[in-house]
Amino acid sequence: MINQDTPTSTLLSFKIGDAADFEKGISGIIEDILIQETDQYLAFIFTLTTGEEIQIKKMRQVC
């Protein structure tokens, strides 16, 4: 199950064509992955072959 608690390293390991299960019963084959980076977070945007788009934001770790 992919959600906000999924480690960043796991999110980075997904590839186009992988099957994925997200929260709220959403699942499918990943058609596109976009990673947007800001000073505060990384946003992973997964587009599925069904046309659904799932966005997961991960806060940046500040030391």
Protein backbone atom coordinates (compact mmCIF):
# COMPACT_ATOMS: atom_id res chain seq x y z
CA MET A 1 0.00 0.00 0.00
CA ILE A 2 1.54 3.28 -1.12
CA ASN A 3 0.74 6.33 1.01
CA GLN A 4 2.33 9.28 2.84
CA ASP A 5 4.14 6.85 5.16
CA THR A 6 5.91 5.01 2.32
CA PRO A 7 9.66 5.68 2.54
CA THR A 8 11.11 8.02 -0.08
CA SER A 9 13.55 5.31 -1.17
CA THR A 10 10.62 3.01 -1.96
CA LEU A 11 8.80 5.75 -3.91
CA LEU A 12 11.97 6.34 -5.94
CA SER A 13 12.19 2.64 -6.81
CA PHE A 14 8.92 2.57 -8.77
CA LYS A 15 9.15 2.43 -12.56
CA ILE A 16 6.73 2.93 -15.43
CA GLY A 17 4.85 -0.33 -15.98
CA ASP A 18 4.88 -1.35 -12.30
CA ALA A 19 1.61 -2.30 -10.63
CA ALA A 20 0.83 -0.23 -7.55
CA ASP A 21 -1.80 -0.14 -4.81
CA PHE A 22 -2.58 3.24 -3.29
CA GLU A 23 -4.82 4.34 -0.43
CA LYS A 24 -8.60 4.54 -0.88
CA GLY A 25 -8.68 1.40 -3.03
CA ILE A 26 -6.89 2.96 -5.98
CA SER A 27 -4.67 0.58 -7.91
CA GLY A 28 -3.30 0.16 -11.40
CA ILE A 29 -0.31 0.21 -13.69
CA ILE A 30 1.97 3.24 -13.48
CA GLU A 31 2.01 5.10 -16.80
CA ASP A 32 4.06 8.13 -15.76
CA ILE A 33 5.99 9.37 -12.72
CA LEU A 34 6.76 13.02 -12.09
CA ILE A 35 8.88 14.19 -9.16
CA GLN A 36 8.62 17.86 -8.23
CA GLU A 37 11.13 19.29 -5.79
CA THR A 38 10.73 22.34 -3.56
CA ASP A 39 12.68 23.59 -0.55
CA GLN A 40 10.07 22.02 1.74
CA TYR A 41 9.08 18.73 0.13
CA LEU A 42 9.31 16.23 -2.72
CA ALA A 43 6.05 15.59 -4.56
CA PHE A 44 5.69 12.24 -6.31
CA ILE A 45 2.93 12.31 -8.91
CA PHE A 46 1.96 8.89 -10.25
CA THR A 47 -0.29 8.71 -13.31
CA LEU A 48 -2.00 5.36 -13.81
CA THR A 49 -3.12 3.83 -17.11
CA THR A 50 -6.70 4.43 -15.94
CA GLY A 51 -6.01 8.19 -16.05
CA GLU A 52 -6.03 8.60 -12.28
CA GLU A 53 -3.32 10.79 -10.77
CA ILE A 54 -2.04 10.24 -7.24
CA GLN A 55 0.19 12.78 -5.50
CA ILE A 56 2.29 11.95 -2.46
CA LYS A 57 4.24 14.70 -0.70
CA LYS A 58 7.26 13.86 1.43
CA MET A 59 8.66 16.52 3.71
CA ARG A 60 12.38 17.15 3.31
CA GLN A 61 14.57 16.06 6.18
CA VAL A 62 16.44 19.05 7.57
CA CYS A 63 19.51 18.42 9.71
